[in-house]
């Protein structure tokens, strides 16, 4: 993977639309579907692009994210990452990935022109899947032709499109829409809303016929078969800025509300999750300061409050990097034993993460071993302080040996004992050199 910066589904029933004052009520079997009208105003008229935040799920846990104009990041397979280097990207406007690895990308170039690019990933596929693969690409070509047909710069930068499973897709340019393979329930809704003078402004397509649609009159509807706690967030009477469903994993989504609150459910590389969190933090902080307001979101069941005066500390990416090193040294459990943050959370707090089991380093025998090594090292350092610098190497070796022996006697695995011994040697050597000087 490369980075580049600049259980069975539940089948839902139809839910009736409800008034702005009424929160959608789950059906008798508690299915995740509904419609709602916002009680907040939309900011879409003042945007350079349709969404404040662009987020797109790609195959193999890849993603594209842009939380500010002029800033974007992609992480995923090398050949896809390299394709972005071929574009003169000034401002991303919209992007969507197909399950096959293809993508449709609309962006502003450095000269101010709006480009529409359709990348086709070279991929070996079994002969049994060839027909479906060719048919899906033919459908994507139709979407590409629809999006690029308009040469108007303003229409292109405000375009919206999404790609779902099985060759399904939706695209809007201006007030014109085109689509293929949409769930029958969504098609019926589109026809009903056309009579009322509304059209789909943004559509998120997910697995098992799941969808979320934001209408042009600032209302939205959904039918979800999976996607965790998203249905609960959709019941808030706050306008939606960005909504994305993963077409690869029915537990993943990304939601941004007009209030500036960001919520998601993501699985994958811890470092990349840290970078996504960092960007989400920055966006919410900017919104809080720009509007001089407080943004309240939820993490693992706890409220997180961001005010105009909030200051974030260590970069999440750095924290994740440090935690990875600590795991190698044995001071943290392996990834398999470490749960991800609650997928319904937003802005996951590193301090709020819990280890799934007590770690061996908290065991009494290991603590005794480390204490014995520390005492031995202290004695060695004292001798060096008395006899001079010529004994630095001997002191380092003695410290390493004592640490290795103590930790192995306590039952620590050989690799971790060796790492501990190495650290003891380096640390003791440096300290002895400083003392003898």
Protein backbone atom coordinates (compact mmCIF):
# COMPACT_ATOMS: atom_id res chain seq x y z
CA UNK A 1 0.00 0.00 0.00
CA UNK A 2 1.19 3.47 -0.76
CA UNK A 3 0.25 6.94 0.39
CA UNK A 4 0.15 10.17 -1.52
CA UNK A 5 -0.71 13.50 0.09
CA UNK A 6 -1.28 17.08 -1.42
CA UNK A 7 -23.35 -11.07 9.92
CA UNK A 8 -26.11 -11.32 7.65
CA UNK A 9 -27.81 -8.14 6.52
CA UNK A 10 -31.19 -7.08 7.81
CA UNK A 11 -33.71 -6.37 5.09
CA UNK A 12 -35.64 -3.21 5.87
CA UNK A 13 -39.20 -2.19 5.07
CA UNK A 14 -40.37 1.08 3.60
CA UNK A 15 -40.67 3.87 6.15
CA UNK A 16 -43.13 6.72 5.77
CA UNK A 17 -41.86 10.30 5.57
CA UNK A 18 -42.47 12.32 8.71
CA UNK A 19 -42.74 15.98 9.56
CA UNK A 20 -39.82 18.17 10.64
CA UNK A 21 -40.96 18.05 14.25
CA UNK A 22 -41.22 14.27 14.38
CA UNK A 23 -38.21 12.04 14.78
CA UNK A 24 -38.40 8.96 12.54
CA UNK A 25 -39.54 5.96 14.55
CA UNK A 26 -38.10 2.52 13.87
CA UNK A 27 -40.50 -0.04 12.51
CA UNK A 28 -41.71 -2.94 14.64
CA UNK A 29 -38.64 -5.03 13.85
CA UNK A 30 -36.31 -2.08 14.49
CA UNK A 31 -35.05 -1.63 10.94
CA UNK A 32 -32.75 1.17 9.96
CA UNK A 33 -34.74 3.23 7.48
CA UNK A 34 -36.53 6.56 7.47
CA UNK A 35 -36.82 10.10 6.20
CA UNK A 36 -36.33 13.41 7.94
CA UNK A 37 -36.41 17.14 7.34
CA UNK A 38 -33.64 19.37 8.65
CA UNK A 39 -34.25 22.10 11.18
CA UNK A 40 -30.92 23.77 10.33
CA UNK A 41 -29.95 25.87 7.36
CA UNK A 42 -27.64 24.61 4.60
CA UNK A 43 -24.29 26.18 3.74
CA UNK A 44 -24.12 24.61 0.27
CA UNK A 45 -24.74 27.89 -1.53
CA UNK A 46 -21.45 29.37 -0.30
CA UNK A 47 -19.19 26.41 -1.09
CA UNK A 48 -16.61 26.06 -3.81
CA UNK A 49 -17.59 22.40 -4.14
CA UNK A 50 -20.65 20.38 -3.11
CA UNK A 51 -19.12 19.07 0.13
CA UNK A 52 -16.86 20.63 2.73
CA UNK A 53 -15.16 17.26 3.19
CA UNK A 54 -14.55 14.74 0.43
CA UNK A 55 -14.16 11.16 1.55
CA UNK A 56 -14.18 8.08 -0.69
CA UNK A 57 -13.76 4.40 0.18
CA UNK A 58 -11.54 2.43 -2.16
CA UNK A 59 -10.72 -1.26 -2.53
CA UNK A 60 -8.26 -2.95 -0.16
CA UNK A 61 -9.00 -0.44 2.65
CA UNK A 62 -7.76 2.45 0.51
CA UNK A 63 -9.30 5.90 0.77
CA UNK A 64 -9.20 9.47 -0.55
CA UNK A 65 -9.79 12.42 1.76
CA UNK A 66 -9.86 16.19 1.43
CA UNK A 67 -10.90 18.35 4.39
CA UNK A 68 -9.82 21.72 3.01
CA UNK A 69 -9.37 23.33 -0.38
CA UNK A 70 -5.89 22.67 -1.68
CA UNK A 71 -5.33 19.71 0.67
CA UNK A 72 -5.95 16.07 -0.16
CA UNK A 73 -4.53 12.63 0.59
CA UNK A 74 -4.83 9.17 -0.96
CA UNK A 75 -3.64 5.91 0.59
CA UNK A 76 -3.87 2.58 -1.19
CA UNK A 77 -2.32 0.34 -3.85
CA UNK A 78 0.82 1.75 -5.47
CA UNK A 79 -0.48 1.79 -9.05
CA UNK A 80 -3.52 3.82 -8.03
CA UNK A 81 -1.43 6.20 -5.92
CA UNK A 82 0.95 6.74 -8.85
CA UNK A 83 -1.96 7.68 -11.11
CA UNK A 84 -2.71 10.74 -8.96
CA UNK A 85 0.81 12.01 -9.57
CA UNK A 86 -0.04 12.28 -13.25
CA UNK A 87 -2.69 14.94 -12.58
CA UNK A 88 -2.06 18.63 -11.92
CA UNK A 89 -4.42 18.75 -8.95
CA UNK A 90 -5.14 22.15 -7.47
CA UNK A 91 -8.52 21.53 -5.82
CA UNK A 92 -10.39 18.18 -5.66
CA UNK A 93 -14.12 18.51 -6.36
CA UNK A 94 -15.46 14.93 -6.29
CA UNK A 95 -14.20 11.35 -6.51
CA UNK A 96 -15.58 7.80 -6.34
CA UNK A 97 -13.87 4.41 -6.53
CA UNK A 98 -15.25 1.30 -8.18
CA UNK A 99 -14.76 -2.12 -6.56
CA UNK A 100 -12.43 -2.99 -9.42
CA UNK A 101 -10.08 -0.16 -8.49
CA UNK A 102 -11.16 2.26 -11.22
CA UNK A 103 -12.07 5.79 -10.20
CA UNK A 104 -13.81 8.88 -11.52
CA UNK A 105 -12.19 12.11 -10.39
CA UNK A 106 -13.21 15.74 -10.93
CA UNK A 107 -10.69 18.40 -9.93
CA UNK A 108 -9.46 21.87 -10.70
CA UNK A 109 -6.07 22.09 -12.39
CA UNK A 110 -3.48 24.76 -11.65
CA UNK A 111 -4.69 26.87 -14.57
CA UNK A 112 -8.24 27.00 -13.14
CA UNK A 113 -9.79 24.55 -15.59
CA UNK A 114 -11.96 21.68 -14.33
CA UNK A 115 -10.86 18.21 -15.42
CA UNK A 116 -12.76 14.93 -15.39
CA UNK A 117 -10.54 11.85 -15.29
CA UNK A 118 -11.54 8.21 -15.51
CA UNK A 119 -8.75 5.91 -14.30
CA UNK A 120 -8.96 2.24 -15.27
CA UNK A 121 -6.90 -0.08 -13.14
CA UNK A 122 -5.13 -2.92 -14.88
CA UNK A 123 -6.17 -6.06 -13.10
CA UNK A 124 -6.01 -9.80 -13.65
CA UNK A 125 -9.41 -11.41 -13.18
CA UNK A 126 -10.64 -15.01 -13.40
CA UNK A 127 -12.34 -15.93 -16.66
CA UNK A 128 -15.53 -16.67 -14.73
CA UNK A 129 -15.71 -13.00 -13.68
CA UNK A 130 -14.72 -11.46 -17.01
CA UNK A 131 -18.25 -10.87 -18.33
CA UNK A 132 -19.41 -9.10 -15.16
CA UNK A 133 -16.19 -7.07 -15.08
CA UNK A 134 -16.63 -5.86 -18.68
CA UNK A 135 -20.29 -5.03 -18.09
CA UNK A 136 -19.49 -3.03 -14.93
CA UNK A 137 -16.86 -1.00 -16.76
CA UNK A 138 -19.34 -0.29 -19.54
CA UNK A 139 -21.72 1.11 -16.95
CA UNK A 140 -18.98 3.28 -15.43
CA UNK A 141 -18.25 4.67 -18.88
CA UNK A 142 -21.85 5.89 -19.05
CA UNK A 143 -21.40 7.74 -15.76
CA UNK A 144 -18.12 9.20 -16.96
CA UNK A 145 -19.71 10.44 -20.19
CA UNK A 146 -22.59 12.00 -18.26
CA UNK A 147 -20.32 13.87 -15.85
CA UNK A 148 -17.90 15.20 -18.47
CA UNK A 149 -20.62 16.13 -20.98
CA UNK A 150 -21.05 19.55 -19.41
CA UNK A 151 -18.09 21.85 -20.03
CA UNK A 152 -19.35 24.49 -17.60
CA UNK A 153 -16.77 25.04 -14.86
CA UNK A 154 -19.33 25.78 -12.15
CA UNK A 155 -21.39 22.69 -13.02
CA UNK A 156 -18.32 20.47 -12.90
CA UNK A 157 -17.02 21.71 -9.58
CA UNK A 158 -20.45 21.23 -7.95
CA UNK A 159 -20.97 17.74 -9.38
CA UNK A 160 -21.85 14.80 -7.14
CA UNK A 161 -21.56 11.09 -7.88
CA UNK A 162 -21.12 7.73 -6.14
CA UNK A 163 -20.42 4.13 -7.07
CA UNK A 164 -21.99 1.17 -5.28
CA UNK A 165 -21.70 -2.61 -5.54
CA UNK A 166 -22.56 -4.56 -8.67
CA UNK A 167 -22.04 -1.76 -11.17
CA UNK A 168 -24.56 0.58 -9.51
CA UNK A 169 -23.91 4.32 -9.62
CA UNK A 170 -25.50 7.74 -9.27
CA UNK A 171 -24.42 11.06 -10.74
CA UNK A 172 -25.75 14.62 -10.62
CA UNK A 173 -24.63 17.62 -12.60
CA UNK A 174 -26.56 20.75 -11.81
CA UNK A 175 -30.18 19.59 -11.51
CA UNK A 176 -29.78 16.73 -13.98
CA UNK A 177 -29.32 13.20 -12.62
CA UNK A 178 -28.38 9.84 -14.11
CA UNK A 179 -28.08 6.46 -12.47
CA UNK A 180 -27.80 2.72 -12.95
CA UNK A 181 -28.66 -0.30 -10.83
CA UNK A 182 -30.17 1.63 -7.92
CA UNK A 183 -32.25 -0.23 -5.32
CA UNK A 184 -35.92 -0.45 -6.32
CA UNK A 185 -36.90 1.34 -3.13
CA UNK A 186 -34.70 4.31 -4.00
CA UNK A 187 -35.96 4.45 -7.58
CA UNK A 188 -39.52 4.67 -6.29
CA UNK A 189 -38.56 7.49 -3.94
CA UNK A 190 -36.89 9.44 -6.75
CA UNK A 191 -40.07 9.26 -8.84
CA UNK A 192 -42.20 10.33 -5.88
CA UNK A 193 -39.99 13.31 -5.10
CA UNK A 194 -39.87 14.41 -8.73
CA UNK A 195 -43.62 15.06 -8.49
CA UNK A 196 -42.89 17.29 -5.49
CA UNK A 197 -40.23 19.20 -7.40
CA UNK A 198 -37.23 17.69 -5.58
CA UNK A 199 -34.30 15.75 -6.99
CA UNK A 200 -31.42 13.80 -5.39
CA UNK A 201 -28.62 16.19 -4.49
CA UNK A 202 -26.30 13.54 -3.05
CA UNK A 203 -26.61 9.75 -2.89
CA UNK A 204 -24.51 7.23 -0.93
CA UNK A 205 -24.73 3.63 -2.12
CA UNK A 206 -23.77 0.71 0.10
CA UNK A 207 -23.99 -3.04 0.43
CA UNK A 208 -27.22 -5.04 0.51
CA UNK A 209 -29.21 -2.28 -1.24
CA UNK A 210 -28.36 0.23 1.49
CA UNK A 211 -28.54 3.91 0.61
CA UNK A 212 -28.74 7.42 1.99
CA UNK A 213 -30.11 10.18 -0.24
CA UNK A 214 -29.99 13.93 0.45
CA UNK A 215 -32.67 15.76 -1.52
CA UNK A 216 -32.48 19.19 -3.10
CA UNK A 217 -34.96 20.56 -0.53
CA UNK A 218 -32.52 19.70 2.30
CA UNK A 219 -34.39 16.62 3.48
CA UNK A 220 -32.93 13.12 3.46
CA UNK A 221 -34.03 9.49 3.43
CA UNK A 222 -32.27 6.23 4.08
CA UNK A 223 -32.57 2.47 4.17
CA UNK A 224 -29.62 0.75 5.84
CA UNK A 225 -28.81 -2.93 6.14
CA UNK A 226 -25.79 -2.70 8.36
CA UNK A 227 -23.60 0.38 8.98
CA UNK A 228 -23.80 0.29 12.75
CA UNK A 229 -25.01 3.42 14.47
CA UNK A 230 -25.36 5.55 11.33
CA UNK A 231 -29.17 5.37 11.41
CA UNK A 232 -29.16 6.99 14.85
CA UNK A 233 -27.02 9.88 13.58
CA UNK A 234 -29.30 10.35 10.58
CA UNK A 235 -32.21 10.95 12.94
CA UNK A 236 -30.58 14.19 14.10
CA UNK A 237 -32.29 17.22 12.62
CA UNK A 238 -29.01 18.60 11.27
CA UNK A 239 -28.36 19.04 7.57
CA UNK A 240 -25.89 16.64 5.98
CA UNK A 241 -22.73 17.93 4.39
CA UNK A 242 -21.13 14.61 3.45
CA UNK A 243 -22.41 11.05 3.62
CA UNK A 244 -20.48 8.07 2.27
CA UNK A 245 -21.21 4.36 2.64
CA UNK A 246 -18.54 1.79 1.97
CA UNK A 247 -19.50 -0.53 -0.90
CA UNK A 248 -16.91 -3.01 0.42
CA UNK A 249 -17.74 -3.31 4.15
CA UNK A 250 -21.21 -2.84 5.68
CA UNK A 251 -19.72 -1.56 8.93
CA UNK A 252 -17.97 1.48 7.44
CA UNK A 253 -19.37 4.95 6.81
CA UNK A 254 -18.30 8.59 6.94
CA UNK A 255 -20.69 11.40 7.91
CA UNK A 256 -20.24 15.15 8.19
CA UNK A 257 -23.08 17.34 9.41
CA UNK A 258 -23.58 21.02 8.61
CA UNK A 259 -22.86 21.85 12.25
CA UNK A 260 -19.26 20.78 11.63
CA UNK A 261 -19.57 17.50 13.51
CA UNK A 262 -17.72 14.55 11.95
CA UNK A 263 -18.64 10.93 12.66
CA UNK A 264 -17.45 7.70 11.16
CA UNK A 265 -16.97 3.98 11.39
CA UNK A 266 -13.65 2.92 9.88
CA UNK A 267 -11.47 -0.16 10.02
CA UNK A 268 -7.92 -0.47 8.84
CA UNK A 269 -4.36 0.65 9.41
CA UNK A 270 -3.92 2.41 12.77
CA UNK A 271 -1.59 5.04 11.35
CA UNK A 272 -4.06 5.92 8.59
CA UNK A 273 -6.91 6.10 11.11
CA UNK A 274 -4.73 8.51 13.07
CA UNK A 275 -4.23 10.71 10.01
CA UNK A 276 -7.95 10.72 9.28
CA UNK A 277 -8.60 11.68 12.89
CA UNK A 278 -6.05 14.47 12.66
CA UNK A 279 -7.74 15.93 9.58
CA UNK A 280 -11.19 15.61 11.16
CA UNK A 281 -9.92 17.37 14.27
CA UNK A 282 -8.55 20.19 12.17
CA UNK A 283 -11.81 20.60 10.27
CA UNK A 284 -13.94 20.69 13.43
CA UNK A 285 -11.53 23.10 15.07
CA UNK A 286 -11.73 25.46 12.07
CA UNK A 287 -15.51 25.28 12.05
CA UNK A 288 -15.68 26.00 15.77
CA UNK A 289 -13.46 29.05 15.40
CA UNK A 290 -15.05 30.33 12.20
CA UNK A 291 -18.56 30.17 13.64
CA UNK A 292 -17.43 30.92 17.22
CA UNK A 293 -19.43 27.98 18.47
CA UNK A 294 -19.04 24.74 20.38
CA UNK A 295 -19.16 21.41 18.55
CA UNK A 296 -20.21 18.42 20.63
CA UNK A 297 -19.66 14.92 19.36
CA UNK A 298 -19.42 11.47 20.97
CA UNK A 299 -16.58 9.01 21.44
CA UNK A 300 -17.14 5.55 22.88
CA UNK A 301 -20.26 6.80 24.62
CA UNK A 302 -18.53 9.88 26.02
CA UNK A 303 -19.05 13.46 24.90
CA UNK A 304 -16.18 15.32 23.28
CA UNK A 305 -16.50 19.10 23.24
CA UNK A 306 -14.57 21.27 20.79
CA UNK A 307 -14.64 25.02 21.39
CA UNK A 308 -12.97 27.92 19.56
CA UNK A 309 -10.26 27.75 22.23
CA UNK A 310 -9.60 24.02 22.00
CA UNK A 311 -6.00 23.08 21.29
CA UNK A 312 -5.08 19.56 20.28
CA UNK A 313 -1.85 18.07 21.54
CA UNK A 314 0.29 15.40 19.97
CA UNK A 315 -0.45 14.45 16.40
CA UNK A 316 -2.51 11.25 16.24
CA UNK A 317 -0.16 9.95 13.55
CA UNK A 318 2.77 10.35 15.94
CA UNK A 319 0.83 8.66 18.74
CA UNK A 320 -0.02 5.72 16.52
CA UNK A 321 3.62 5.45 15.44
CA UNK A 322 4.79 5.43 19.04
CA UNK A 323 2.20 2.81 19.99
CA UNK A 324 3.42 0.59 17.18
CA UNK A 325 6.99 0.77 18.52
CA UNK A 326 5.75 0.04 22.04
CA UNK A 327 3.95 -3.05 20.79
CA UNK A 328 7.20 -4.29 19.28
CA UNK A 329 8.92 -3.81 22.64
CA UNK A 330 6.20 -5.69 24.46
CA UNK A 331 4.69 -2.72 26.26
CA UNK A 332 1.39 -2.97 24.39
CA UNK A 333 -0.68 -5.91 23.14
CA UNK A 334 -0.61 -7.09 19.56
CA UNK A 335 -3.06 -5.62 17.05
CA UNK A 336 -5.25 -8.70 17.20
CA UNK A 337 -5.87 -8.11 20.90
CA UNK A 338 -6.44 -4.40 20.55
CA UNK A 339 -9.98 -3.29 19.73
CA UNK A 340 -10.57 -0.36 17.41
CA UNK A 341 -12.52 2.60 18.76
CA UNK A 342 -16.28 2.22 18.90
CA UNK A 343 -17.28 2.43 15.22
CA UNK A 344 -20.11 4.75 16.11
CA UNK A 345 -17.70 7.27 17.55
CA UNK A 346 -16.27 10.39 16.06
CA UNK A 347 -12.91 11.90 16.75
CA UNK A 348 -11.69 8.81 18.67
CA UNK A 349 -9.75 9.78 21.76
CA UNK A 350 -6.45 7.97 22.17
CA UNK A 351 -6.70 8.44 25.93
CA UNK A 352 -10.08 6.73 25.93
CA UNK A 353 -8.91 3.55 24.20
CA UNK A 354 -8.94 0.41 26.32
CA UNK A 355 -6.67 -2.62 26.10
CA UNK A 356 -8.70 -5.79 25.68
CA UNK A 357 -6.64 -7.75 28.22
CA UNK A 358 -3.99 -7.14 30.93
CA UNK A 359 -0.57 -7.22 29.36
CA UNK A 360 2.29 -9.45 30.47
CA UNK A 361 4.42 -6.43 31.38
CA UNK A 362 2.10 -5.82 34.34
CA UNK A 363 2.87 -9.29 35.66
CA UNK A 364 4.69 -9.33 39.05
CA UNK A 365 7.57 -11.46 37.73
CA UNK A 366 8.27 -9.05 34.88
CA UNK A 367 8.19 -6.08 37.21
CA UNK A 368 10.71 -7.83 39.49
CA UNK A 369 12.92 -8.54 36.47
CA UNK A 370 12.89 -4.95 35.30
CA UNK A 371 13.59 -3.76 38.83
CA UNK A 372 16.56 -6.13 39.16
CA UNK A 373 17.97 -4.90 35.86
CA UNK A 374 17.55 -1.31 36.95
CA UNK A 375 19.39 -1.92 40.23
CA UNK A 376 22.24 -3.67 38.43
CA UNK A 377 22.52 -0.83 35.93
CA UNK A 378 22.62 1.71 38.75
CA UNK A 379 25.49 -0.17 40.43
CA UNK A 380 27.41 -0.33 37.14
CA UNK A 381 26.92 3.38 36.52
CA UNK A 382 28.20 4.16 40.01
CA UNK A 383 31.39 2.17 39.35
CA UNK A 384 31.96 4.02 36.08
CA UNK A 385 31.51 7.34 37.83
CA UNK A 386 34.32 6.27 40.18
CA UNK A 387 36.76 4.59 37.79
CA UNK A 388 36.32 6.66 34.65
CA UNK A 389 35.34 6.46 30.99
CA UNK A 390 37.42 3.41 30.07
CA UNK A 391 34.81 1.19 31.67
CA UNK A 392 31.88 2.53 29.59
CA UNK A 393 31.82 -0.42 27.20
CA UNK A 394 32.08 -2.92 30.04
CA UNK A 395 29.31 -1.11 31.87
CA UNK A 396 27.05 -1.21 28.83
CA UNK A 397 27.68 -4.91 28.38
CA UNK A 398 27.07 -5.65 32.03
CA UNK A 399 23.82 -3.71 31.96
CA UNK A 400 22.64 -5.49 28.83
CA UNK A 401 23.56 -8.89 30.24
CA UNK A 402 21.87 -8.26 33.57
CA UNK A 403 18.71 -7.02 31.84
CA UNK A 404 18.61 -10.02 29.48
CA UNK A 405 19.16 -12.53 32.26
CA UNK A 406 16.58 -10.92 34.55
CA UNK A 407 13.89 -10.68 31.91
CA UNK A 408 14.45 -14.21 30.60
CA UNK A 409 14.32 -15.62 34.13
CA UNK A 410 10.97 -13.89 34.51
CA UNK A 411 9.68 -15.67 31.41
CA UNK A 412 9.77 -12.82 28.89
CA UNK A 413 10.03 -14.04 25.25
CA UNK A 414 13.54 -14.08 23.81
CA UNK A 415 12.94 -11.37 21.21
CA UNK A 416 11.58 -8.92 23.77
CA UNK A 417 14.35 -9.76 26.23
CA UNK A 418 16.92 -9.03 23.52
CA UNK A 419 15.29 -5.71 22.69
CA UNK A 420 15.22 -4.77 26.37
CA UNK A 421 18.88 -5.70 26.70
CA UNK A 422 19.81 -3.60 23.68
CA UNK A 423 18.02 -0.58 25.04
CA UNK A 424 19.71 -1.08 28.41
CA UNK A 425 23.12 -1.20 26.74
CA UNK A 426 22.59 1.97 24.71
CA UNK A 427 21.07 3.86 27.60
CA UNK A 428 23.73 2.83 30.07
CA UNK A 429 26.53 3.63 27.63
CA UNK A 430 25.20 7.11 26.98
CA UNK A 431 24.70 7.80 30.65
CA UNK A 432 28.17 6.54 31.57
CA UNK A 433 29.81 8.70 28.90
CA UNK A 434 28.01 11.75 30.20
CA UNK A 435 28.96 11.01 33.82
CA UNK A 436 32.62 10.36 33.06
CA UNK A 437 32.91 13.65 31.21
